[in-house]
Amino acid sequence: MSIFERYLSLWVALCIAAGIALGKILPGLFNTLASWQAANVNFAIAVLIWAMVFPMMVGVDFASLKRIGERPKGLAVTLVVNWLIKPFTMAGLGVLFFKHVFAGLIPPADAENYIAGLILLGAAPCTAMVFVWSQLTRGDPTYTLAQVSVNDAIMVFAYAPIVALLLGVVEIAVPWETLILSVVLYVAIPLAAGAFARTRLIEKGGETAVNAFTAKLKPFSVIGLLATVTLLFGFQGQVILDRPLVIVLIAIPLLLQSYGIFAIAYAAAWAWRIPFNIAAPCALIGTSNFFELAVAVAISLFGLDSGAAL
């Protein structure tokens, strides 16, 4: 592993601190960057995500997609964890902590908002970031694309009913424009660019040329990740400084669920003897991450559209 990958947690922590500080020092710059959006999808974030996921997209072998059904175990674990376990455990942890454990620390009305934010977050699987984590763990890029595509398709139909069930309401305002534009920007465009680059590379030098090209791009992927962290926390820097207790309280159930869901998915993959390059990405797609913390804060404080923008 490179130094960037080996100490990624340290770089992320430093970028979080840098983002909060820069958001405080240069609010005008971050307000301008935050305004570059449509349907609550930020274009600056989209460009950085392209840098993150492009190397993985180049590695996708479309000819192998037709054989994805030959390895159904990984998809089975992903789907069960994402849609039958994750939303309900997130709701349960939200109620446990904000109705009982943290009951004396926050007003009841705020507790309801935080629970709603966690439920909205828990029902949505991670998508674009899975490509980054899969690349870092040397996951199978073709399988990663397949699992992300399947989960995105299911999310279009299952997200609103699951959220409605957990929140106990009949109608949920799902920002469909945001959902569709996010999939196009974060998955479809870099996928098309990666497919084009892969075709040209295969013509010139085969898989050797593809591997050499992606190896050169790998540092840019990590840099894009760190820049995205800095930008996200710059956008929310003032909120974090104004309400640090909220951040800590939201982070606790998220961290517990993150480790718990990963442990369940990876243990299931291990017990089912799923190969590591399939087990790693299938376990990662259901876990929480620092992006989800930012999203949870935004949803809880400002509503669904604010979280979707991240």
Protein backbone atom coordinates (compact mmCIF):
# COMPACT_ATOMS: atom_id res chain seq x y z
CA MET A 1 0.00 0.00 0.00
CA SER A 2 1.13 3.54 -0.70
CA ILE A 3 1.62 6.05 2.11
CA PHE A 4 -1.70 7.68 1.18
CA GLU A 5 -3.58 4.42 1.56
CA ARG A 6 -1.71 3.22 4.64
CA TYR A 7 -2.46 6.39 6.62
CA LEU A 8 -5.81 7.24 5.02
CA SER A 9 -7.56 7.62 8.38
CA LEU A 10 -5.02 10.26 9.42
CA TRP A 11 -5.38 12.19 6.15
CA VAL A 12 -9.17 12.10 6.45
CA ALA A 13 -9.02 13.44 10.00
CA LEU A 14 -6.69 16.25 8.91
CA CYS A 15 -8.94 17.09 5.96
CA ILE A 16 -11.99 17.23 8.24
CA ALA A 17 -10.17 19.72 10.47
CA ALA A 18 -8.93 21.67 7.45
CA GLY A 19 -12.42 21.78 5.93
CA ILE A 20 -13.97 23.12 9.13
CA ALA A 21 -11.21 25.73 9.50
CA LEU A 22 -11.38 26.84 5.85
CA GLY A 23 -15.16 27.02 6.00
CA LYS A 24 -14.78 29.44 8.92
CA ILE A 25 -11.94 31.47 7.38
CA LEU A 26 -13.24 31.58 3.79
CA PRO A 27 -17.04 31.42 4.02
CA GLY A 28 -17.48 33.34 0.77
CA LEU A 29 -15.49 30.79 -1.23
CA PHE A 30 -17.42 27.84 0.18
CA ASN A 31 -20.74 29.61 -0.30
CA THR A 32 -19.83 30.12 -3.96
CA LEU A 33 -18.86 26.47 -4.38
CA ALA A 34 -22.04 25.39 -2.62
CA SER A 35 -24.10 27.45 -5.08
CA TRP A 36 -22.78 25.41 -8.04
CA GLN A 37 -25.63 22.94 -7.99
CA ALA A 38 -28.80 21.74 -9.65
CA ALA A 39 -31.56 19.72 -7.99
CA ASN A 40 -29.49 19.89 -4.78
CA VAL A 41 -26.56 18.07 -6.43
CA ASN A 42 -23.28 19.96 -6.13
CA PHE A 43 -21.12 20.02 -9.27
CA ALA A 44 -17.84 20.64 -7.42
CA ILE A 45 -18.43 17.47 -5.42
CA ALA A 46 -19.32 15.64 -8.64
CA VAL A 47 -15.98 16.55 -10.25
CA LEU A 48 -14.08 15.28 -7.22
CA ILE A 49 -16.09 12.06 -7.18
CA TRP A 50 -15.18 11.58 -10.85
CA ALA A 51 -11.53 11.73 -9.84
CA MET A 52 -12.20 9.14 -7.13
CA VAL A 53 -14.15 6.58 -9.14
CA PHE A 54 -12.63 6.93 -12.62
CA PRO A 55 -9.74 4.45 -12.05
CA MET A 56 -12.22 1.79 -10.92
CA MET A 57 -14.48 2.50 -13.90
CA VAL A 58 -11.57 1.97 -16.29
CA GLY A 59 -11.07 -1.46 -14.74
CA VAL A 60 -14.67 -2.57 -15.38
CA ASP A 61 -14.78 -5.41 -17.91
CA PHE A 62 -18.22 -5.14 -19.48
CA ALA A 63 -17.84 -8.50 -21.18
CA SER A 64 -17.74 -10.09 -17.71
CA LEU A 65 -21.00 -8.50 -16.57
CA LYS A 66 -23.00 -11.21 -18.30
CA ARG A 67 -21.30 -13.74 -16.03
CA ILE A 68 -22.19 -11.91 -12.81
CA GLY A 69 -24.99 -14.43 -12.21
CA GLU A 70 -22.35 -17.10 -11.82
CA ARG A 71 -21.36 -15.43 -8.50
CA PRO A 72 -24.72 -14.72 -6.85
CA LYS A 73 -23.57 -15.12 -3.24
CA GLY A 74 -22.02 -11.64 -2.97
CA LEU A 75 -25.12 -9.97 -4.37
CA ALA A 76 -27.31 -12.01 -2.01
CA VAL A 77 -25.32 -10.82 1.03
CA THR A 78 -25.39 -7.21 -0.19
CA LEU A 79 -29.13 -7.18 -0.83
CA VAL A 80 -30.08 -8.86 2.46
CA VAL A 81 -27.85 -6.55 4.49
CA ASN A 82 -28.88 -3.37 2.67
CA TRP A 83 -32.62 -3.90 2.53
CA LEU A 84 -33.56 -6.34 5.29
CA ILE A 85 -31.07 -5.41 8.03
CA LYS A 86 -29.50 -1.97 7.64
CA PRO A 87 -32.62 0.28 7.57
CA PHE A 88 -34.20 -1.44 10.56
CA THR A 89 -31.07 -1.58 12.70
CA MET A 90 -30.43 2.10 11.97
CA ALA A 91 -33.98 2.95 13.07
CA GLY A 92 -33.58 0.82 16.17
CA LEU A 93 -30.30 2.46 17.14
CA GLY A 94 -31.79 5.91 16.50
CA VAL A 95 -34.72 5.23 18.82
CA LEU A 96 -32.49 3.60 21.43
CA PHE A 97 -30.04 6.48 21.64
CA PHE A 98 -32.22 9.53 21.03
CA LYS A 99 -35.31 8.33 22.92
CA HIS A 100 -33.48 6.75 25.84
CA VAL A 101 -29.69 7.02 26.13
CA PHE A 102 -29.52 10.71 25.10
CA ALA A 103 -32.96 11.65 26.41
CA GLY A 104 -31.60 14.09 28.98
CA LEU A 105 -29.20 15.81 26.59
CA ILE A 106 -31.50 17.05 23.82
CA PRO A 107 -35.08 18.36 23.53
CA PRO A 108 -37.67 15.74 22.48
CA ALA A 109 -38.51 17.65 19.28
CA ASP A 110 -34.87 17.61 18.22
CA ALA A 111 -34.65 13.92 19.04
CA GLU A 112 -37.45 13.22 16.57
CA ASN A 113 -35.57 15.10 13.83
CA TYR A 114 -32.35 13.19 14.49
CA ILE A 115 -34.15 9.86 14.41
CA ALA A 116 -35.79 10.83 11.12
CA GLY A 117 -32.40 11.80 9.68
CA LEU A 118 -30.86 8.48 10.67
CA ILE A 119 -33.78 6.55 9.19
CA LEU A 120 -33.57 8.45 5.91
CA LEU A 121 -29.86 7.74 5.82
CA GLY A 122 -30.09 4.11 6.88
CA ALA A 123 -32.52 3.27 4.07
CA ALA A 124 -30.12 4.48 1.36
CA PRO A 125 -27.09 2.33 0.49
CA CYS A 126 -23.76 3.96 -0.24
CA THR A 127 -23.06 4.08 -3.98
CA ALA A 128 -20.26 6.22 -5.42
CA MET A 129 -17.97 5.78 -2.41
CA VAL A 130 -18.13 2.00 -2.76
CA PHE A 131 -16.00 2.27 -5.89
CA VAL A 132 -13.27 4.00 -3.87
CA TRP A 133 -13.35 1.50 -1.01
CA SER A 134 -13.46 -1.40 -3.46
CA GLN A 135 -10.38 -0.10 -5.23
CA LEU A 136 -8.50 0.32 -1.94
CA THR A 137 -9.33 -3.26 -0.94
CA ARG A 138 -8.55 -4.63 -4.43
CA GLY A 139 -12.15 -5.63 -4.99
CA ASP A 140 -13.48 -6.93 -8.29
CA PRO A 141 -14.44 -3.79 -10.28
CA THR A 142 -16.97 -5.62 -12.47
CA TYR A 143 -18.74 -7.07 -9.44
CA THR A 144 -18.65 -3.68 -7.70
CA LEU A 145 -20.38 -2.04 -10.66
CA ALA A 146 -23.01 -4.80 -10.73
CA GLN A 147 -23.83 -4.53 -7.02
CA VAL A 148 -24.02 -0.72 -7.13
CA SER A 149 -26.29 -0.86 -10.19
CA VAL A 150 -28.61 -3.41 -8.59
CA ASN A 151 -28.84 -1.48 -5.33
CA ASP A 152 -29.50 1.81 -7.13
CA ALA A 153 -32.30 0.17 -9.11
CA ILE A 154 -33.85 -1.27 -5.95
CA MET A 155 -33.49 2.06 -4.15
CA VAL A 156 -35.71 3.78 -6.74
CA PHE A 157 -38.60 1.48 -5.81
CA ALA A 158 -37.90 0.44 -2.22
CA TYR A 159 -36.56 3.61 -0.58
CA ALA A 160 -39.85 5.47 -0.12
CA PRO A 161 -41.88 2.47 1.15
CA ILE A 162 -39.20 1.48 3.67
CA VAL A 163 -38.82 5.06 4.93
CA ALA A 164 -42.61 5.44 5.08
CA LEU A 165 -42.87 2.25 7.12
CA LEU A 166 -40.14 3.27 9.55
CA LEU A 167 -41.31 6.85 9.98
CA GLY A 168 -44.93 5.81 10.27
CA VAL A 169 -46.19 8.16 7.58
CA VAL A 170 -48.01 7.49 4.34
CA GLU A 171 -46.36 9.97 1.98
CA ILE A 172 -42.63 10.64 1.86
CA ALA A 173 -41.26 13.46 -0.25
CA VAL A 174 -38.47 11.74 -2.15
CA PRO A 175 -36.38 14.18 -4.25
CA TRP A 176 -36.49 12.18 -7.48
CA GLU A 177 -34.65 14.87 -9.47
CA THR A 178 -31.81 14.71 -6.97
CA LEU A 179 -31.74 10.92 -7.00
CA ILE A 180 -31.67 10.65 -10.80
CA LEU A 181 -29.13 13.44 -11.30
CA SER A 182 -26.89 11.92 -8.60
CA VAL A 183 -26.87 8.54 -10.33
CA VAL A 184 -26.12 10.19 -13.69
CA LEU A 185 -23.31 12.37 -12.34
CA TYR A 186 -21.75 9.99 -9.84
CA VAL A 187 -22.10 6.70 -11.75
CA ALA A 188 -23.22 7.03 -15.39
CA ILE A 189 -20.82 9.77 -16.57
CA PRO A 190 -17.62 8.36 -15.02
CA LEU A 191 -18.68 4.89 -16.15
CA ALA A 192 -19.05 6.05 -19.76
CA ALA A 193 -15.70 7.86 -19.60
CA GLY A 194 -14.04 4.80 -18.08
CA ALA A 195 -15.49 2.52 -20.75
CA PHE A 196 -14.19 4.80 -23.50
CA ALA A 197 -10.71 4.97 -21.93
CA ARG A 198 -10.63 1.20 -21.39
CA THR A 199 -11.52 0.54 -25.05
CA ARG A 200 -8.72 2.78 -26.26
CA LEU A 201 -6.22 1.25 -23.85
CA ILE A 202 -7.18 -2.32 -24.81
CA GLU A 203 -6.65 -1.39 -28.47
CA LYS A 204 -3.17 -0.07 -27.71
CA GLY A 205 -1.79 -2.56 -25.21
CA GLY A 206 -4.41 -4.89 -23.77
CA GLU A 207 -4.92 -5.47 -20.03
CA THR A 208 -1.30 -4.53 -19.34
CA ALA A 209 -1.96 -1.02 -20.60
CA VAL A 210 -5.15 -0.82 -18.52
CA ASN A 211 -3.36 -1.89 -15.34
CA ALA A 212 -0.52 0.57 -15.92
CA PHE A 213 -2.96 3.41 -16.56
CA THR A 214 -5.05 2.77 -13.44
CA ALA A 215 -1.90 2.47 -11.32
CA LYS A 216 -0.87 5.97 -12.42
CA LEU A 217 -4.33 7.34 -11.61
CA LYS A 218 -4.59 5.78 -8.15
CA PRO A 219 -2.95 8.72 -6.28
CA PHE A 220 -5.41 11.12 -7.93
CA SER A 221 -8.26 8.96 -6.68
CA VAL A 222 -7.10 9.32 -3.07
CA ILE A 223 -6.45 13.06 -3.56
CA GLY A 224 -9.98 13.42 -4.91
CA LEU A 225 -11.29 11.62 -1.83
CA LEU A 226 -9.42 13.92 0.55
CA ALA A 227 -10.46 17.04 -1.37
CA THR A 228 -14.09 15.91 -1.20
CA VAL A 229 -13.85 15.49 2.56
CA THR A 230 -12.37 18.97 2.88
CA LEU A 231 -15.09 20.49 0.74
CA LEU A 232 -17.97 18.70 2.48
CA PHE A 233 -16.85 19.72 5.94
CA GLY A 234 -16.13 23.22 4.68
CA PHE A 235 -19.76 23.46 3.60
CA GLN A 236 -20.91 22.36 7.08
CA GLY A 237 -18.09 23.92 9.08
CA GLN A 238 -20.16 26.59 10.81
CA VAL A 239 -22.87 24.11 11.74
CA ILE A 240 -20.27 21.79 13.27
CA LEU A 241 -18.73 24.64 15.27
CA ASP A 242 -22.12 25.90 16.44
CA ARG A 243 -23.48 22.48 17.47
CA PRO A 244 -20.57 20.12 18.23
CA LEU A 245 -22.64 18.04 20.67
CA VAL A 246 -25.07 17.16 17.88
CA ILE A 247 -22.20 15.86 15.75
CA VAL A 248 -20.94 13.63 18.55
CA LEU A 249 -24.40 12.29 19.37
CA ILE A 250 -25.19 11.47 15.74
CA ALA A 251 -21.77 9.90 15.22
CA ILE A 252 -22.20 7.35 18.03
CA PRO A 253 -25.10 5.30 16.55
CA LEU A 254 -23.62 5.73 13.05
CA LEU A 255 -20.29 4.26 14.13
CA LEU A 256 -21.94 1.39 15.96
CA GLN A 257 -24.08 0.59 12.95
CA SER A 258 -21.14 0.97 10.57
CA TYR A 259 -18.99 -1.59 12.38
CA GLY A 260 -21.95 -3.84 13.09
CA ILE A 261 -23.22 -3.96 9.50
CA PHE A 262 -19.74 -4.53 8.12
CA ALA A 263 -19.16 -7.34 10.62
CA ILE A 264 -22.46 -9.01 9.70
CA ALA A 265 -21.86 -8.76 5.94
CA TYR A 266 -18.23 -9.83 6.04
CA ALA A 267 -18.91 -12.67 8.49
CA ALA A 268 -21.68 -13.92 6.20
CA ALA A 269 -19.30 -13.74 3.23
CA TRP A 270 -16.62 -15.62 5.18
CA ALA A 271 -19.05 -18.31 6.32
CA TRP A 272 -20.33 -18.68 2.75
CA ARG A 273 -16.76 -18.91 1.42
CA ILE A 274 -17.14 -15.90 -0.88
CA PRO A 275 -13.77 -14.85 -2.41
CA PHE A 276 -12.17 -11.79 -0.83
CA ASN A 277 -12.38 -9.60 -3.96
CA ILE A 278 -16.17 -10.11 -3.86
CA ALA A 279 -16.60 -10.16 -0.07
CA ALA A 280 -14.87 -6.81 0.48
CA PRO A 281 -17.08 -4.64 -1.77
CA CYS A 282 -20.25 -6.57 -0.85
CA ALA A 283 -19.61 -5.78 2.84
CA LEU A 284 -18.61 -2.18 2.21
CA ILE A 285 -21.74 -1.05 0.38
CA GLY A 286 -23.86 -1.35 3.51
CA THR A 287 -21.56 0.50 5.88
CA SER A 288 -21.62 4.08 7.04
CA ASN A 289 -18.73 6.49 6.48
CA PHE A 290 -17.72 10.07 7.09
CA PHE A 291 -19.88 11.15 4.13
CA GLU A 292 -22.88 9.64 5.83
CA LEU A 293 -22.09 11.55 9.01
CA ALA A 294 -22.17 14.81 7.02
CA VAL A 295 -25.39 13.70 5.34
CA ALA A 296 -27.01 12.73 8.64
CA VAL A 297 -26.16 16.11 10.15
CA ALA A 298 -27.55 17.95 7.13
CA ILE A 299 -30.74 15.88 7.07
CA SER A 300 -31.32 16.22 10.79
CA LEU A 301 -30.74 19.96 10.89
CA PHE A 302 -32.03 21.16 7.53
CA GLY A 303 -34.18 18.42 5.94
CA LEU A 304 -33.92 15.71 3.28
CA ASP A 305 -32.94 17.98 0.38
CA SER A 306 -29.90 19.30 2.24
CA GLY A 307 -28.67 15.79 2.94
CA ALA A 308 -29.32 14.65 -0.63
CA ALA A 309 -27.17 17.49 -1.89
CA LEU A 310 -24.19 15.87 -0.18
